[in-house]
Amino acid sequence: MDRGEDRQFQYRAITRDGRTVKDIVRARDEPAALRGLMASGLTVTGLSEVVLSQASLADRDFRPGERVLLMRQLALMLQAGVPLLEALETVATGVVARRGRLQLLAVITALKGGSTLGAALRAHAPGFPYYVYAMAEVGEAAGRIPEVLRAAADQMAYEDRLRRDFINALTYPALLACSGVAAVGFIFIEIVPRFSALIASNGGHMPFLSQVVFSVGDFVNAHLIAVGLALAALVALIGLGASHPAGRRGLYAVGQWTPVIGGLLKAREIATWARLTAFSLAHGVALLEASALSREALPAGAFRTGLEAFDFELRTGAAVDVSLGRHTSLTAMDLSLLRAGQRSGALATMFALLADSYDDHLKDRMKQFTALAEPAAIGVISIVVGLIALSLIMALASIYEAVS
């Protein structure tokens, strides 16, 4: 590859509908960058070369924010009349993540071979949220790919914002938990062994709680390196699982059965399914096809299994609300909303209202979870430290009773 192809240019431009955009494009030289931007329907008002560091060219995949920007760029260019292949090639030239760029090039190759956009993205661009691939298929079925990609970008941006807010809210509780673990570790390593030796030298009989605490302390001190390695391996295993698709699916399956997190994931699944179904119906996709496409956007689990049975019953002429009531956990209010939509011919509108309702529910549950995280962390640490302190006091009391 020519070294000139690695040059990147930052530009400011005005779109055909009058909006101002600012981004980075890759080209052989400045005239080539200008020609490419003009061919995309942009009126360039500023263009300057960007000198990239080696870190920015690291061999990595797309970051969440880059995925959102990618979808928005594609939607903007397609809306401006740029052909899909040309839009993808133009976007790919501005990608600085090598693995991400290779994925886009593979998607372009698949499209040239006759593949659909949804199938090409699913096969060659892993890492996008699961609903993106189904939404791309909906856009192709409805002939509204730009609108779908923009909607997918908005949904990804919304979820990324939720994720960042969630992580920020849990930062302080996580620090508390780490401090608590460190304090408990110090107690077991430094303090408990001293009391254990004192009790043994005085021949006192320890209560059961004290025996348990001292046994744990003796085990930790006798196998300190092994315990440390086991904890490090556990952290590494969780991190590796979270970075691998199969591991993320496993963690998601565990989260579905977790009391509080399960409710959050359920609200997210229903909101995504209802939003995609509403979008499909609003753009002329038949109910059976819309239902199948929106179901494909969901991860494996009880809700998706129920929707499979719902799709089967739809083919037999079953009412939407009756079948969903049999096979899913939608509330009576949700079913009433869909019943009214089916009878009035406004099913797409009712699915959109259902999606809005569960989005609001998701936000409320997130706030509740993050509000409870801090006191829960403090409470757990206090209970553990309190039990250890109580065991030490009970051990001292047993010595006193033995002496007296």
Protein backbone atom coordinates (compact mmCIF):
# COMPACT_ATOMS: atom_id res chain seq x y z
CA MET A 1 0.00 0.00 0.00
CA ASP A 2 1.24 3.49 -0.82
CA ARG A 3 2.41 5.48 2.18
CA GLY A 4 0.31 8.40 0.97
CA GLU A 5 -2.87 6.46 1.64
CA ASP A 6 -2.21 6.74 5.38
CA ARG A 7 -2.60 10.53 5.37
CA GLN A 8 -5.70 11.85 7.12
CA PHE A 9 -7.44 15.19 6.80
CA GLN A 10 -9.83 16.90 9.16
CA TYR A 11 -12.61 18.74 7.38
CA ARG A 12 -15.57 21.02 8.02
CA ALA A 13 -18.36 20.92 5.47
CA ILE A 14 -22.00 21.75 4.82
CA THR A 15 -24.38 18.99 3.78
CA ARG A 16 -27.04 19.29 1.10
CA ASP A 17 -29.69 19.98 3.72
CA GLY A 18 -27.65 22.82 5.26
CA ARG A 19 -26.18 21.08 8.27
CA THR A 20 -22.56 21.65 9.32
CA VAL A 21 -20.46 18.51 9.88
CA LYS A 22 -16.92 17.99 11.11
CA ASP A 23 -14.99 14.74 10.70
CA ILE A 24 -11.81 13.06 9.47
CA VAL A 25 -11.29 11.53 6.02
CA ARG A 26 -8.36 9.46 4.74
CA ALA A 27 -6.95 10.08 1.29
CA ARG A 28 -3.74 9.97 -0.74
CA ASP A 29 -3.36 13.75 -0.71
CA GLU A 30 -5.37 16.92 -0.11
CA PRO A 31 -6.84 17.22 -3.64
CA ALA A 32 -8.00 13.57 -3.45
CA ALA A 33 -9.61 14.23 -0.07
CA LEU A 34 -11.38 17.30 -1.47
CA ARG A 35 -12.64 15.37 -4.51
CA GLY A 36 -13.96 12.56 -2.33
CA LEU A 37 -15.83 14.94 -0.05
CA MET A 38 -17.35 16.84 -2.96
CA ALA A 39 -18.42 13.56 -4.55
CA SER A 40 -20.25 12.78 -1.30
CA GLY A 41 -22.38 15.88 -1.72
CA LEU A 42 -20.52 17.99 0.85
CA THR A 43 -19.49 21.63 0.47
CA VAL A 44 -16.07 21.78 2.12
CA THR A 45 -15.35 24.91 4.19
CA GLY A 46 -12.15 23.75 5.85
CA LEU A 47 -9.55 21.02 5.24
CA SER A 48 -6.30 20.35 7.08
CA GLU A 49 -4.01 17.36 7.45
CA VAL A 50 -3.95 15.47 10.74
CA VAL A 51 -0.69 13.95 11.93
CA LEU A 52 -1.51 10.60 13.52
CA SER A 53 0.44 9.04 16.36
CA GLN A 54 1.21 5.32 16.40
CA ALA A 55 -1.23 4.87 19.29
CA SER A 56 -4.11 6.08 17.15
CA LEU A 57 -3.22 3.41 14.58
CA ALA A 58 -3.26 0.59 17.13
CA ASP A 59 -4.45 -2.82 16.03
CA ARG A 60 -7.86 -2.67 17.71
CA ASP A 61 -11.56 -2.94 17.04
CA PHE A 62 -14.07 -0.09 16.98
CA ARG A 63 -14.82 1.70 20.23
CA PRO A 64 -18.51 2.24 21.12
CA GLY A 65 -18.38 5.91 20.17
CA GLU A 66 -16.75 5.05 16.84
CA ARG A 67 -19.54 2.60 16.04
CA VAL A 68 -22.12 5.33 16.65
CA LEU A 69 -20.19 7.77 14.46
CA LEU A 70 -19.83 5.14 11.73
CA MET A 71 -23.60 4.55 11.58
CA ARG A 72 -24.34 8.27 11.56
CA GLN A 73 -21.84 8.90 8.77
CA LEU A 74 -23.34 6.13 6.66
CA ALA A 75 -26.87 7.40 7.28
CA LEU A 76 -25.88 10.96 6.37
CA MET A 77 -24.16 9.94 3.15
CA LEU A 78 -26.96 7.59 2.06
CA GLN A 79 -29.53 10.28 2.78
CA ALA A 80 -27.48 12.63 0.59
CA GLY A 81 -27.79 10.17 -2.29
CA VAL A 82 -24.38 8.49 -2.13
CA PRO A 83 -24.55 4.78 -3.16
CA LEU A 84 -24.09 2.28 -0.33
CA LEU A 85 -20.79 0.84 -1.58
CA GLU A 86 -19.31 4.27 -2.16
CA ALA A 87 -20.47 5.43 1.26
CA LEU A 88 -18.87 2.41 2.96
CA GLU A 89 -15.62 2.89 1.05
CA THR A 90 -15.52 6.58 1.99
CA VAL A 91 -16.20 5.84 5.65
CA ALA A 92 -13.59 3.07 5.67
CA THR A 93 -10.89 5.48 4.54
CA GLY A 94 -11.39 7.49 7.73
CA VAL A 95 -11.19 4.54 10.13
CA VAL A 96 -8.03 4.47 12.25
CA ALA A 97 -8.73 1.16 14.01
CA ARG A 98 -7.05 -1.47 11.84
CA ARG A 99 -9.30 -4.37 12.80
CA GLY A 100 -12.34 -2.19 12.40
CA ARG A 101 -11.23 -1.10 8.96
CA LEU A 102 -10.64 -4.71 7.92
CA GLN A 103 -14.18 -5.53 9.02
CA LEU A 104 -15.60 -2.76 6.84
CA LEU A 105 -13.53 -3.90 3.87
CA ALA A 106 -14.87 -7.43 4.37
CA VAL A 107 -18.42 -6.03 4.44
CA ILE A 108 -17.75 -4.17 1.18
CA THR A 109 -16.41 -7.35 -0.42
CA ALA A 110 -19.49 -9.28 0.70
CA LEU A 111 -21.80 -6.62 -0.72
CA LYS A 112 -20.00 -6.74 -4.04
CA GLY A 113 -20.55 -10.49 -3.99
CA GLY A 114 -24.32 -10.02 -3.73
CA SER A 115 -24.83 -10.20 0.04
CA THR A 116 -27.36 -8.00 1.81
CA LEU A 117 -26.18 -5.30 4.20
CA GLY A 118 -27.65 -7.00 7.26
CA ALA A 119 -26.08 -10.36 6.41
CA ALA A 120 -22.72 -8.76 5.57
CA LEU A 121 -22.60 -6.83 8.83
CA ARG A 122 -23.64 -9.89 10.83
CA ALA A 123 -20.97 -12.07 9.20
CA HIS A 124 -18.03 -9.66 8.95
CA ALA A 125 -18.55 -6.87 11.51
CA PRO A 126 -19.09 -8.51 14.90
CA GLY A 127 -19.28 -6.36 18.00
CA PHE A 128 -22.25 -4.19 17.11
CA PRO A 129 -25.30 -4.48 19.39
CA TYR A 130 -27.40 -7.46 18.34
CA TYR A 131 -30.31 -5.30 17.17
CA VAL A 132 -28.20 -3.43 14.58
CA TYR A 133 -28.08 -6.41 12.23
CA ALA A 134 -31.84 -6.93 12.41
CA MET A 135 -32.45 -3.21 11.93
CA ALA A 136 -30.29 -3.26 8.79
CA GLU A 137 -32.47 -6.08 7.46
CA VAL A 138 -35.60 -4.07 8.30
CA GLY A 139 -34.18 -1.08 6.43
CA GLU A 140 -33.52 -3.19 3.35
CA ALA A 141 -36.98 -4.77 3.51
CA ALA A 142 -38.61 -1.34 3.81
CA GLY A 143 -36.23 0.47 1.44
CA ARG A 144 -35.28 2.95 4.17
CA ILE A 145 -31.69 2.10 5.05
CA PRO A 146 -30.64 5.71 5.92
CA GLU A 147 -33.47 6.12 8.42
CA VAL A 148 -32.78 2.73 9.98
CA LEU A 149 -29.04 3.38 10.34
CA ARG A 150 -29.74 6.76 11.93
CA ALA A 151 -32.21 5.11 14.33
CA ALA A 152 -29.64 2.41 15.12
CA ALA A 153 -27.01 5.09 15.82
CA ASP A 154 -29.39 6.95 18.11
CA GLN A 155 -30.18 3.73 20.01
CA MET A 156 -26.49 2.87 20.30
CA ALA A 157 -25.69 6.38 21.54
CA TYR A 158 -28.54 6.13 24.07
CA GLU A 159 -27.30 2.79 25.39
CA ASP A 160 -23.69 4.00 25.47
CA ARG A 161 -24.80 6.99 27.53
CA LEU A 162 -26.73 4.68 29.88
CA ARG A 163 -23.69 2.43 30.20
CA ARG A 164 -21.38 5.34 31.00
CA ASP A 165 -23.83 6.75 33.54
CA PHE A 166 -24.12 3.30 35.09
CA ILE A 167 -20.34 2.89 35.34
CA ASN A 168 -19.89 6.39 36.75
CA ALA A 169 -22.57 5.76 39.36
CA LEU A 170 -20.91 2.50 40.41
CA THR A 171 -17.39 3.92 40.64
CA TYR A 172 -17.69 5.03 44.26
CA PRO A 173 -19.39 1.81 45.45
CA ALA A 174 -16.67 -0.16 43.65
CA LEU A 175 -13.98 1.83 45.46
CA LEU A 176 -15.77 1.15 48.74
CA ALA A 177 -15.92 -2.55 47.94
CA CYS A 178 -12.20 -2.66 47.06
CA SER A 179 -11.34 -0.82 50.26
CA GLY A 180 -13.50 -3.25 52.23
CA VAL A 181 -11.84 -6.27 50.63
CA ALA A 182 -8.43 -4.79 51.39
CA ALA A 183 -9.42 -4.14 55.01
CA VAL A 184 -10.78 -7.67 55.44
CA GLY A 185 -7.64 -9.08 53.84
CA PHE A 186 -5.47 -7.09 56.25
CA ILE A 187 -7.50 -8.37 59.20
CA PHE A 188 -7.14 -11.99 58.10
CA ILE A 189 -3.42 -11.66 57.35
CA GLU A 190 -2.24 -9.54 60.29
CA ILE A 191 -4.77 -9.59 63.12
CA VAL A 192 -6.59 -12.94 63.05
CA PRO A 193 -3.37 -15.04 63.20
CA ARG A 194 -2.26 -13.17 66.35
CA PHE A 195 -5.54 -13.90 68.10
CA SER A 196 -5.42 -17.50 66.90
CA ALA A 197 -1.97 -17.96 68.42
CA LEU A 198 -3.12 -16.29 71.66
CA ILE A 199 -6.13 -18.58 71.96
CA ALA A 200 -4.02 -21.65 71.24
CA SER A 201 -1.44 -20.69 73.86
CA ASN A 202 -4.13 -20.21 76.51
CA GLY A 203 -5.95 -23.40 75.61
CA GLY A 204 -9.33 -21.65 75.54
CA HIS A 205 -12.37 -23.13 73.82
CA MET A 206 -13.51 -20.90 70.99
CA PRO A 207 -17.13 -20.36 69.91
CA PHE A 208 -18.09 -21.71 66.49
CA LEU A 209 -18.00 -18.28 64.79
CA SER A 210 -14.50 -17.67 66.10
CA GLN A 211 -13.38 -21.10 64.93
CA VAL A 212 -14.63 -20.37 61.42
CA VAL A 213 -12.92 -16.96 61.25
CA PHE A 214 -9.63 -18.29 62.63
CA SER A 215 -9.72 -21.27 60.26
CA VAL A 216 -10.16 -18.94 57.30
CA GLY A 217 -7.34 -16.74 58.58
CA ASP A 218 -5.02 -19.74 59.00
CA PHE A 219 -5.86 -20.99 55.50
CA VAL A 220 -5.26 -17.59 53.91
CA ASN A 221 -1.90 -17.19 55.62
CA ALA A 222 -0.83 -20.74 54.80
CA HIS A 223 -1.74 -20.34 51.11
CA LEU A 224 -1.30 -16.59 50.64
CA ILE A 225 0.31 -16.79 47.20
CA ALA A 226 -2.23 -19.33 45.95
CA VAL A 227 -5.15 -17.23 47.20
CA GLY A 228 -3.71 -14.11 45.55
CA LEU A 229 -3.20 -15.95 42.26
CA ALA A 230 -6.73 -17.37 42.43
CA LEU A 231 -8.23 -13.90 42.92
CA ALA A 232 -6.12 -12.49 40.08
CA ALA A 233 -7.18 -15.40 37.83
CA LEU A 234 -10.84 -14.77 38.69
CA VAL A 235 -10.54 -11.09 37.76
CA ALA A 236 -8.70 -11.97 34.55
CA LEU A 237 -11.31 -14.61 33.68
CA ILE A 238 -14.16 -12.13 34.11
CA GLY A 239 -12.30 -9.55 32.01
CA LEU A 240 -11.56 -12.11 29.29
CA GLY A 241 -15.17 -13.27 29.28
CA ALA A 242 -16.42 -9.70 28.95
CA SER A 243 -14.15 -9.09 25.96
CA HIS A 244 -15.15 -12.24 24.05
CA PRO A 245 -18.55 -12.65 22.35
CA ALA A 246 -19.14 -16.12 23.83
CA GLY A 247 -18.14 -14.84 27.26
CA ARG A 248 -20.47 -11.86 26.97
CA ARG A 249 -23.31 -14.20 26.08
CA GLY A 250 -22.56 -16.27 29.15
CA LEU A 251 -22.42 -13.22 31.41
CA TYR A 252 -25.67 -11.98 29.87
CA ALA A 253 -27.33 -15.32 30.59
CA VAL A 254 -26.19 -15.11 34.21
CA GLY A 255 -27.40 -11.52 34.43
CA GLN A 256 -30.87 -12.53 33.23
CA TRP A 257 -31.32 -14.61 36.39
CA THR A 258 -29.86 -12.02 38.77
CA PRO A 259 -32.67 -10.34 40.77
CA VAL A 260 -31.99 -6.66 40.04
CA ILE A 261 -29.90 -6.88 36.87
CA GLY A 262 -32.39 -9.33 35.37
CA GLY A 263 -35.11 -6.69 35.54
CA LEU A 264 -32.89 -4.18 33.76
CA LEU A 265 -32.07 -6.62 30.97
CA LYS A 266 -35.74 -7.59 30.60
CA ALA A 267 -36.79 -3.94 30.22
CA ARG A 268 -34.03 -3.40 27.65
CA GLU A 269 -35.09 -6.46 25.62
CA ILE A 270 -38.76 -5.48 25.55
CA ALA A 271 -37.94 -1.87 24.65
CA THR A 272 -35.64 -2.95 21.80
CA TRP A 273 -38.15 -5.50 20.47
CA ALA A 274 -41.09 -3.07 20.62
CA ARG A 275 -39.06 -0.24 19.04
CA LEU A 276 -37.91 -2.39 16.13
CA THR A 277 -41.39 -3.85 15.59
CA ALA A 278 -42.92 -0.36 15.58
CA PHE A 279 -40.31 0.88 13.11
CA SER A 280 -40.90 -2.10 10.81
CA LEU A 281 -44.68 -1.76 10.84
CA ALA A 282 -44.50 1.99 10.30
CA HIS A 283 -42.45 1.44 7.14
CA GLY A 284 -44.72 -1.08 5.49
CA VAL A 285 -43.27 -4.38 6.70
CA ALA A 286 -45.96 -7.01 7.30
CA LEU A 287 -46.64 -8.05 10.89
CA LEU A 288 -45.28 -11.59 10.48
CA GLU A 289 -42.05 -10.37 8.90
CA ALA A 290 -41.71 -7.50 11.37
CA SER A 291 -42.16 -9.91 14.27
CA ALA A 292 -39.52 -12.29 12.92
CA LEU A 293 -37.01 -9.50 12.26
CA SER A 294 -37.45 -7.92 15.70
CA ARG A 295 -37.15 -11.33 17.38
CA GLU A 296 -33.82 -11.90 15.62
CA ALA A 297 -32.54 -8.74 17.31
CA LEU A 298 -32.86 -10.30 20.77
CA PRO A 299 -30.34 -12.44 22.65
CA ALA A 300 -31.19 -15.98 23.65
CA GLY A 301 -33.44 -16.25 26.67
CA ALA A 302 -36.96 -16.73 27.94
CA PHE A 303 -38.36 -13.68 26.15
CA ARG A 304 -37.01 -14.72 22.76
CA THR A 305 -38.29 -18.26 23.28
CA GLY A 306 -41.74 -16.87 24.03
CA LEU A 307 -41.63 -14.74 20.87
CA GLU A 308 -40.83 -17.81 18.79
CA ALA A 309 -44.08 -19.38 20.00
CA PHE A 310 -45.83 -16.04 19.37
CA ASP A 311 -44.58 -15.99 15.76
CA PHE A 312 -45.89 -19.52 15.23
CA GLU A 313 -49.34 -18.61 16.56
CA LEU A 314 -49.48 -15.46 14.43
CA ARG A 315 -49.45 -17.70 11.36
CA THR A 316 -52.59 -19.43 12.65
CA GLY A 317 -54.44 -16.12 12.99
CA ALA A 318 -54.12 -15.65 16.76
CA ALA A 319 -54.64 -12.16 18.19
CA VAL A 320 -51.47 -10.31 19.06
CA ASP A 321 -52.38 -9.58 22.69
CA VAL A 322 -53.75 -13.09 23.38
CA SER A 323 -50.67 -14.86 22.05
CA LEU A 324 -48.20 -12.51 23.74
CA GLY A 325 -50.11 -12.93 27.00
CA ARG A 326 -49.65 -16.69 26.75
CA HIS A 327 -45.97 -16.74 25.88
CA THR A 328 -44.35 -13.62 27.35
CA SER A 329 -44.28 -11.73 30.63
CA LEU A 330 -45.85 -8.54 29.25
CA THR A 331 -48.20 -6.92 31.76
CA ALA A 332 -51.96 -6.64 31.39
CA MET A 333 -51.53 -2.93 30.63
CA ASP A 334 -49.05 -3.72 27.86
CA LEU A 335 -51.41 -6.25 26.32
CA SER A 336 -54.32 -3.83 26.56
CA LEU A 337 -52.26 -1.25 24.68
CA LEU A 338 -51.51 -3.72 21.87
CA ARG A 339 -55.13 -4.92 21.77
CA ALA A 340 -56.29 -1.35 21.23
CA GLY A 341 -53.68 -0.86 18.52
CA GLN A 342 -54.70 -3.97 16.63
CA ARG A 343 -58.38 -3.08 16.73
CA SER A 344 -57.83 0.52 15.71
CA GLY A 345 -55.24 -0.20 13.02
CA ALA A 346 -52.57 1.75 14.92
CA LEU A 347 -50.44 -1.19 16.02
CA ALA A 348 -47.19 0.53 15.02
CA THR A 349 -48.05 3.52 17.22
CA MET A 350 -48.89 1.27 20.16
CA PHE A 351 -45.63 -0.65 19.81
CA ALA A 352 -43.79 2.69 19.83
CA LEU A 353 -45.64 3.72 23.01
CA LEU A 354 -44.73 0.37 24.56
CA ALA A 355 -41.07 0.95 23.70
CA ASP A 356 -41.17 4.44 25.25
CA SER A 357 -42.79 3.00 28.37
CA TYR A 358 -40.07 0.39 28.84
CA ASP A 359 -37.32 2.91 28.08
CA ASP A 360 -38.68 5.03 30.94
CA HIS A 361 -38.93 1.92 33.09
CA LEU A 362 -35.31 1.08 32.28
CA LYS A 363 -34.15 4.54 33.31
CA ASP A 364 -36.06 4.31 36.59
CA ARG A 365 -34.64 0.88 37.37
CA MET A 366 -31.14 2.14 36.58
CA LYS A 367 -31.56 5.02 39.01
CA GLN A 368 -32.87 2.67 41.70
CA PHE A 369 -30.01 0.25 41.18
CA THR A 370 -27.30 2.89 41.32
CA ALA A 371 -28.95 4.55 44.33
CA LEU A 372 -28.91 1.24 46.23
CA ALA A 373 -25.40 0.22 45.19
CA GLU A 374 -23.55 2.52 47.61
CA PRO A 375 -25.51 1.64 50.79
CA ALA A 376 -25.46 -2.04 49.77
CA ALA A 377 -21.66 -1.99 49.48
CA ILE A 378 -21.33 -0.25 52.83
CA GLY A 379 -23.79 -2.68 54.40
CA VAL A 380 -22.01 -5.80 53.16
CA ILE A 381 -18.60 -4.53 54.25
CA SER A 382 -19.98 -3.53 57.64
CA ILE A 383 -21.55 -6.96 58.17
CA VAL A 384 -18.35 -8.81 57.25
CA VAL A 385 -16.12 -6.60 59.41
CA GLY A 386 -18.68 -6.74 62.21
CA LEU A 387 -18.77 -10.54 62.15
CA ILE A 388 -14.98 -10.70 62.27
CA ALA A 389 -14.86 -8.23 65.16
CA LEU A 390 -17.60 -10.17 66.97
CA SER A 391 -15.68 -13.42 66.54
CA LEU A 392 -12.55 -11.83 68.02
CA ILE A 393 -14.50 -10.44 70.99
CA MET A 394 -16.14 -13.83 71.58
CA ALA A 395 -12.71 -15.48 71.47
CA LEU A 396 -11.36 -13.03 74.06
CA ALA A 397 -14.42 -13.65 76.22
CA SER A 398 -13.78 -17.39 76.06
CA ILE A 399 -10.21 -16.83 77.31
CA TYR A 400 -11.50 -14.70 80.16
CA GLU A 401 -14.02 -17.38 81.14
CA ALA A 402 -11.36 -20.08 81.00
CA VAL A 403 -9.00 -18.08 83.21
CA SER A 404 -11.68 -17.11 85.74
